[in-house]
């Protein structure tokens, strides 16, 4: 059974406060630690570490303001981009829990 993480708990898994790096997509949390060259401190996608980043991924945004799960105003193309990211994460990274 998977663990439920609060947003506050998830924020600890940013590669700084804790060594592990977790990212949430549509509430599904992945262990991104093996991808620390991309998601670790100082890396291009570190903005996503310890956060729900569905909106940012869908919009191809690196803005902290887009690191949310708010998807209501996104168009079909953006949701397809998000689907592609999530599929990639499902294939490459370990599922560790859900954002609750």
C-alpha atoms as a PDB file:
ATOM      1  CA  UNK A   1       0.000   0.000   0.000  1.00  0.00           C
ATOM      2  CA  UNK A   2       1.342   3.424  -0.914  1.00  0.00           C
ATOM      3  CA  UNK A   3       1.928   6.202   1.550  1.00  0.00           C
ATOM      4  CA  UNK A   4      -0.016   9.466   1.599  1.00  0.00           C
ATOM      5  CA  UNK A   5       2.152  12.593   1.821  1.00  0.00           C
ATOM      6  CA  UNK A   6       0.996  16.072   2.736  1.00  0.00           C
ATOM      7  CA  UNK A   7       2.322  18.969   0.649  1.00  0.00           C
ATOM      8  CA  UNK A   8       4.479  19.924   3.624  1.00  0.00           C
ATOM      9  CA  UNK A   9       5.951  16.417   3.847  1.00  0.00           C
ATOM     10  CA  UNK A  10       6.560  16.336   0.096  1.00  0.00           C
ATOM     11  CA  UNK A  11       8.448  19.634   0.297  1.00  0.00           C
ATOM     12  CA  UNK A  12      11.075  17.932   2.472  1.00  0.00           C
ATOM     13  CA  UNK A  13      12.091  15.692  -0.452  1.00  0.00           C
ATOM     14  CA  UNK A  14      13.852  18.365  -2.468  1.00  0.00           C
ATOM     15  CA  UNK A  15      17.390  16.986  -2.493  1.00  0.00           C
ATOM     16  CA  UNK A  16      18.430  19.603   0.074  1.00  0.00           C
ATOM     17  CA  UNK A  17      16.371  19.029   3.215  1.00  0.00           C
ATOM     18  CA  UNK A  18      16.499  15.309   2.461  1.00  0.00           C
ATOM     19  CA  UNK A  19      18.752  13.483   0.062  1.00  0.00           C
ATOM     20  CA  UNK A  20      15.809  11.967  -1.813  1.00  0.00           C
ATOM     21  CA  UNK A  21      14.025  13.918  -4.532  1.00  0.00           C
ATOM     22  CA  UNK A  22      10.286  13.415  -4.929  1.00  0.00           C
ATOM     23  CA  UNK A  23       8.005  15.020  -7.498  1.00  0.00           C
ATOM     24  CA  UNK A  24       4.228  14.811  -7.697  1.00  0.00           C
ATOM     25  CA  UNK A  25       2.290  14.636 -10.962  1.00  0.00           C
ATOM     26  CA  UNK A  26      -1.505  14.581 -10.687  1.00  0.00           C
ATOM     27  CA  UNK A  27      -1.053  13.627  -7.053  1.00  0.00           C
ATOM     28  CA  UNK A  28       1.123  10.631  -7.856  1.00  0.00           C
ATOM     29  CA  UNK A  29       4.541  10.940  -6.187  1.00  0.00           C
ATOM     30  CA  UNK A  30       7.678   9.639  -7.872  1.00  0.00           C
ATOM     31  CA  UNK A  31      11.176   9.125  -6.497  1.00  0.00           C
ATOM     32  CA  UNK A  32      13.274  11.192  -8.892  1.00  0.00           C
ATOM     33  CA  UNK A  33      16.521  10.631  -6.989  1.00  0.00           C
ATOM     34  CA  UNK A  34      18.014   8.519  -9.818  1.00  0.00           C
ATOM     35  CA  UNK A  35      17.511  11.586 -12.036  1.00  0.00           C
ATOM     36  CA  UNK A  36      19.320  13.935  -9.653  1.00  0.00           C
ATOM     37  CA  UNK A  37      21.383  15.305 -12.540  1.00  0.00           C
ATOM     38  CA  UNK A  38      18.101  16.765 -13.819  1.00  0.00           C
ATOM     39  CA  UNK A  39      16.078  17.259 -10.622  1.00  0.00           C
ATOM     40  CA  UNK A  40      18.748  17.790  -7.968  1.00  0.00           C
ATOM     41  CA  UNK A  41      20.002  21.057  -6.480  1.00  0.00           C
ATOM     42  CA  UNK A  42      21.396  23.319  -9.181  1.00  0.00           C
ATOM     43  CA  UNK A  43      19.892  21.249 -12.000  1.00  0.00           C
ATOM     44  CA  UNK A  44      17.474  22.553 -14.612  1.00  0.00           C
ATOM     45  CA  UNK A  45      14.366  20.864 -13.228  1.00  0.00           C
ATOM     46  CA  UNK A  46      15.115  21.327  -9.523  1.00  0.00           C
ATOM     47  CA  UNK A  47      12.179  23.763  -9.383  1.00  0.00           C
ATOM     48  CA  UNK A  48       9.939  20.647  -9.390  1.00  0.00           C
ATOM     49  CA  UNK A  49      11.693  18.884  -6.497  1.00  0.00           C
ATOM     50  CA  UNK A  50       9.457  18.421  -3.476  1.00  0.00           C
ATOM     51  CA  UNK A  51       6.421  19.829  -5.269  1.00  0.00           C
ATOM     52  CA  UNK A  52       3.276  18.990  -7.181  1.00  0.00           C
ATOM     53  CA  UNK A  53       4.317  20.077 -10.666  1.00  0.00           C
ATOM     54  CA  UNK A  54       1.494  18.995 -12.988  1.00  0.00           C
ATOM     55  CA  UNK A  55       0.647  22.479 -14.228  1.00  0.00           C
ATOM     56  CA  UNK A  56       4.292  23.385 -14.840  1.00  0.00           C
ATOM     57  CA  UNK A  57       4.907  20.208 -16.825  1.00  0.00           C
ATOM     58  CA  UNK A  58       1.757  20.694 -18.886  1.00  0.00           C
ATOM     59  CA  UNK A  59       2.749  24.269 -19.707  1.00  0.00           C
ATOM     60  CA  UNK A  60       6.440  23.400 -20.163  1.00  0.00           C
ATOM     61  CA  UNK A  61       7.079  26.065 -17.534  1.00  0.00           C
ATOM     62  CA  UNK A  62       9.929  26.453 -15.086  1.00  0.00           C
ATOM     63  CA  UNK A  63       8.045  29.051 -13.051  1.00  0.00           C
ATOM     64  CA  UNK A  64       7.524  28.308  -9.361  1.00  0.00           C
ATOM     65  CA  UNK A  65       4.041  29.817  -9.738  1.00  0.00           C
ATOM     66  CA  UNK A  66       3.118  26.940 -12.049  1.00  0.00           C
ATOM     67  CA  UNK A  67       4.197  24.234  -9.589  1.00  0.00           C
ATOM     68  CA  UNK A  68       0.635  23.324  -8.647  1.00  0.00           C
ATOM     69  CA  UNK A  69      -1.935  20.697  -9.433  1.00  0.00           C
ATOM     70  CA  UNK A  70      -4.371  23.241 -10.902  1.00  0.00           C
ATOM     71  CA  UNK A  71      -5.304  21.981 -14.360  1.00  0.00           C
ATOM     72  CA  UNK A  72      -8.793  23.411 -14.873  1.00  0.00           C
ATOM     73  CA  UNK A  73      -7.881  26.077 -17.409  1.00  0.00           C
ATOM     74  CA  UNK A  74      -5.409  24.062 -19.477  1.00  0.00           C
ATOM     75  CA  UNK A  75      -6.180  23.196 -23.074  1.00  0.00           C
ATOM     76  CA  UNK A  76      -6.171  19.769 -24.703  1.00  0.00           C
ATOM     77  CA  UNK A  77      -2.650  20.186 -26.073  1.00  0.00           C
ATOM     78  CA  UNK A  78      -1.261  21.041 -22.635  1.00  0.00           C
ATOM     79  CA  UNK A  79      -3.034  18.071 -21.061  1.00  0.00           C
ATOM     80  CA  UNK A  80      -1.513  15.822 -23.738  1.00  0.00           C
ATOM     81  CA  UNK A  81       1.933  17.172 -22.843  1.00  0.00           C
ATOM     82  CA  UNK A  82       1.207  16.332 -19.204  1.00  0.00           C
ATOM     83  CA  UNK A  83       0.062  12.824 -20.186  1.00  0.00           C
ATOM     84  CA  UNK A  84       3.369  12.330 -22.004  1.00  0.00           C
ATOM     85  CA  UNK A  85       5.386  13.476 -18.982  1.00  0.00           C
ATOM     86  CA  UNK A  86       3.440  11.219 -16.655  1.00  0.00           C
ATOM     87  CA  UNK A  87       3.899   8.240 -18.948  1.00  0.00           C
ATOM     88  CA  UNK A  88       7.646   8.915 -18.987  1.00  0.00           C
ATOM     89  CA  UNK A  89       7.735   9.130 -15.188  1.00  0.00           C
ATOM     90  CA  UNK A  90       5.695   5.914 -14.866  1.00  0.00           C
ATOM     91  CA  UNK A  91       8.243   4.129 -17.041  1.00  0.00           C
ATOM     92  CA  UNK A  92      11.405   5.604 -15.554  1.00  0.00           C
ATOM     93  CA  UNK A  93      10.830   6.410 -11.870  1.00  0.00           C
ATOM     94  CA  UNK A  94       9.501   4.589  -8.826  1.00  0.00           C
ATOM     95  CA  UNK A  95       6.052   5.425  -7.486  1.00  0.00           C
ATOM     96  CA  UNK A  96       6.334   6.091  -3.741  1.00  0.00           C
ATOM     97  CA  UNK A  97       2.947   7.462  -2.722  1.00  0.00           C
ATOM     98  CA  UNK A  98       0.186   9.964  -3.239  1.00  0.00           C
ATOM     99  CA  UNK A  99      -0.295  13.586  -2.369  1.00  0.00           C
ATOM    100  CA  UNK A 100      -3.138  13.844   0.103  1.00  0.00           C
END
